[in-house]
C-alpha atoms as a PDB file:
ATOM      1  CA  MET A   1     -20.853   6.650  17.464  1.00  0.00           C
ATOM      2  CA  ARG A   2     -20.419   2.870  16.991  1.00  0.00           C
ATOM      3  CA  GLN A   3     -18.844   2.141  13.326  1.00  0.00           C
ATOM      4  CA  ARG A   4     -20.107  -0.854  11.762  1.00  0.00           C
ATOM      5  CA  ALA A   5     -17.608  -3.630  10.133  1.00  0.00           C
ATOM      6  CA  LEU A   6     -16.787  -4.287   6.778  1.00  0.00           C
ATOM      7  CA  SER A   7     -18.236  -7.937   5.574  1.00  0.00           C
ATOM      8  CA  PRO A   8     -15.589 -10.195   4.659  1.00  0.00           C
ATOM      9  CA  THR A   9     -16.471  -9.846   1.122  1.00  0.00           C
ATOM     10  CA  ILE A  10     -15.952  -6.375   1.155  1.00  0.00           C
ATOM     11  CA  ARG A  11     -12.783  -6.660   2.951  1.00  0.00           C
ATOM     12  CA  ARG A  12     -11.774  -9.657   0.218  1.00  0.00           C
ATOM     13  CA  ARG A  13     -12.636  -7.540  -2.674  1.00  0.00           C
ATOM     14  CA  ILE A  14     -10.553  -4.306  -1.243  1.00  0.00           C
ATOM     15  CA  GLU A  15      -7.280  -6.680  -1.152  1.00  0.00           C
ATOM     16  CA  TRP A  16      -7.901  -7.679  -4.610  1.00  0.00           C
ATOM     17  CA  ALA A  17      -8.813  -4.352  -6.052  1.00  0.00           C
ATOM     18  CA  LEU A  18      -5.426  -3.501  -4.247  1.00  0.00           C
ATOM     19  CA  ILE A  19      -3.685  -6.196  -5.907  1.00  0.00           C
ATOM     20  CA  ALA A  20      -4.788  -5.840  -9.396  1.00  0.00           C
ATOM     21  CA  LEU A  21      -4.094  -1.956  -9.199  1.00  0.00           C
ATOM     22  CA  ALA A  22      -0.376  -2.561  -8.172  1.00  0.00           C
ATOM     23  CA  LEU A  23       0.008  -5.667 -10.665  1.00  0.00           C
ATOM     24  CA  LEU A  24      -1.426  -3.082 -13.263  1.00  0.00           C
ATOM     25  CA  GLY A  25       1.323  -0.467 -11.889  1.00  0.00           C
ATOM     26  CA  LEU A  26       4.048  -3.196 -12.678  1.00  0.00           C
ATOM     27  CA  ALA A  27       2.921  -3.682 -16.447  1.00  0.00           C
ATOM     28  CA  LEU A  28       2.789   0.035 -16.902  1.00  0.00           C
ATOM     29  CA  MET A  29       6.552  -0.361 -15.780  1.00  0.00           C
ATOM     30  CA  VAL A  30       7.383  -2.799 -17.862  1.00  0.00           C
ATOM     31  CA  GLN A  31       5.614  -1.940 -21.151  1.00  0.00           C
ATOM     32  CA  PRO A  32       7.983  -0.338 -24.067  1.00  0.00           C
ATOM     33  CA  PHE A  33       5.636   1.370 -26.142  1.00  0.00           C
ATOM     34  CA  TRP A  34       5.364   4.675 -23.956  1.00  0.00           C
ATOM     35  CA  GLY A  35       7.486   6.130 -21.524  1.00  0.00           C
ATOM     36  CA  ALA A  36       5.472   8.325 -19.532  1.00  0.00           C
ATOM     37  CA  LEU A  37       3.662   5.055 -18.363  1.00  0.00           C
ATOM     38  CA  PHE A  38       6.511   4.421 -16.395  1.00  0.00           C
ATOM     39  CA  ARG A  39       5.875   6.606 -13.854  1.00  0.00           C
ATOM     40  CA  VAL A  40       2.454   6.038 -13.695  1.00  0.00           C
ATOM     41  CA  GLY A  41       3.399   2.823 -12.998  1.00  0.00           C
ATOM     42  CA  PHE A  42       5.297   3.275 -10.335  1.00  0.00           C
ATOM     43  CA  TRP A  43       2.983   5.083  -8.281  1.00  0.00           C
ATOM     44  CA  PHE A  44       0.453   2.598  -9.167  1.00  0.00           C
ATOM     45  CA  LEU A  45       3.063  -0.340  -7.718  1.00  0.00           C
ATOM     46  CA  PHE A  46       4.112   1.875  -4.788  1.00  0.00           C
ATOM     47  CA  LEU A  47       0.663   3.267  -3.176  1.00  0.00           C
ATOM     48  CA  PHE A  48      -1.198   0.438  -3.933  1.00  0.00           C
ATOM     49  CA  GLY A  49       1.671  -2.063  -3.022  1.00  0.00           C
ATOM     50  CA  ILE A  50       1.758   0.310   0.398  1.00  0.00           C
ATOM     51  CA  GLY A  51      -2.707  -0.505   0.296  1.00  0.00           C
ATOM     52  CA  TYR A  52      -2.424  -3.935   0.540  1.00  0.00           C
ATOM     53  CA  VAL A  53       0.628  -4.496   3.101  1.00  0.00           C
ATOM     54  CA  ALA A  54      -1.439  -2.454   5.100  1.00  0.00           C
ATOM     55  CA  THR A  55      -4.614  -4.925   4.868  1.00  0.00           C
ATOM     56  CA  THR A  56      -2.549  -7.619   5.910  1.00  0.00           C
ATOM     57  CA  PHE A  57      -2.559  -6.121   9.328  1.00  0.00           C
ATOM     58  CA  TRP A  58      -6.543  -6.201   9.823  1.00  0.00           C
ATOM     59  CA  PRO A  59      -7.909  -8.133  12.547  1.00  0.00           C
ATOM     60  CA  PRO A  60      -9.274 -11.274  11.152  1.00  0.00           C
ATOM     61  CA  GLU A  61     -12.323 -11.249  13.380  1.00  0.00           C
ATOM     62  CA  ARG A  62     -13.660  -7.607  12.643  1.00  0.00           C
ATOM     63  CA  VAL A  63     -11.967  -4.562  10.630  1.00  0.00           C
ATOM     64  CA  THR A  64     -13.994  -1.254  10.884  1.00  0.00           C
ATOM     65  CA  LEU A  65     -12.789   1.990   8.585  1.00  0.00           C
ATOM     66  CA  TRP A  66     -11.158   3.076  11.554  1.00  0.00           C
ATOM     67  CA  ASP A  67      -9.091   0.018  11.945  1.00  0.00           C
ATOM     68  CA  ALA A  68      -8.387  -0.072   8.333  1.00  0.00           C
ATOM     69  CA  ILE A  69      -7.070   3.786   8.319  1.00  0.00           C
ATOM     70  CA  LYS A  70      -4.660   2.962  11.478  1.00  0.00           C
ATOM     71  CA  SER A  71      -3.395   0.089  10.226  1.00  0.00           C
ATOM     72  CA  LEU A  72      -2.673   2.006   6.805  1.00  0.00           C
ATOM     73  CA  LEU A  73      -0.890   5.023   8.675  1.00  0.00           C
ATOM     74  CA  GLY A  74       0.790   2.521  10.942  1.00  0.00           C
ATOM     75  CA  VAL A  75       2.384   1.089   7.813  1.00  0.00           C
ATOM     76  CA  VAL A  76       3.017   4.902   6.233  1.00  0.00           C
ATOM     77  CA  ILE A  77       4.959   5.938   9.197  1.00  0.00           C
ATOM     78  CA  VAL A  78       6.970   3.057   9.590  1.00  0.00           C
ATOM     79  CA  LEU A  79       7.596   3.027   5.854  1.00  0.00           C
ATOM     80  CA  ALA A  80       8.810   6.843   6.464  1.00  0.00           C
ATOM     81  CA  LEU A  81      11.001   5.895   9.317  1.00  0.00           C
ATOM     82  CA  VAL A  82      12.780   3.791   7.488  1.00  0.00           C
ATOM     83  CA  ILE A  83      13.254   5.641   4.945  1.00  0.00           C
ATOM     84  CA  GLY A  84      14.392   8.634   6.936  1.00  0.00           C
ATOM     85  CA  VAL A  85      17.436   6.418   8.881  1.00  0.00           C
ATOM     86  CA  SER A  86      18.131   4.959   5.666  1.00  0.00           C
ATOM     87  CA  ILE A  87      19.064   8.590   4.486  1.00  0.00           C
ATOM     88  CA  LEU A  88      20.860   9.599   7.572  1.00  0.00           C
ATOM     89  CA  LEU A  89      22.555   6.451   7.327  1.00  0.00           C
ATOM     90  CA  VAL A  90      23.888   6.616   3.832  1.00  0.00           C
ATOM     91  CA  PRO A  91      26.637   9.246   4.231  1.00  0.00           C
ATOM     92  CA  LYS A  92      28.011   7.940   6.730  1.00  0.00           C
ATOM     93  CA  LEU A  93      28.207   4.516   5.883  1.00  0.00           C
ATOM     94  CA  LEU A  94      29.826   5.784   2.201  1.00  0.00           C
END
């Protein structure tokens, strides 16, 4: 089964939506009115920021849904490895 490529307009809208949601998360983290929004803001910034970073690895000429999923998984795997190695190294460096 051949997948259709995402149009440049859709790609740009996805990128801008991820940026907007990450910035909303940042705004929720710095608002002084309700402490519970800090946690929501952190997760927005974390998840949608990772999503935006994954879009920077999309091939410039043509991207399918499978390409988008592969780039997101690649970013998540690298992030997990960095966090895992950091957790293992901290006790040895202290």
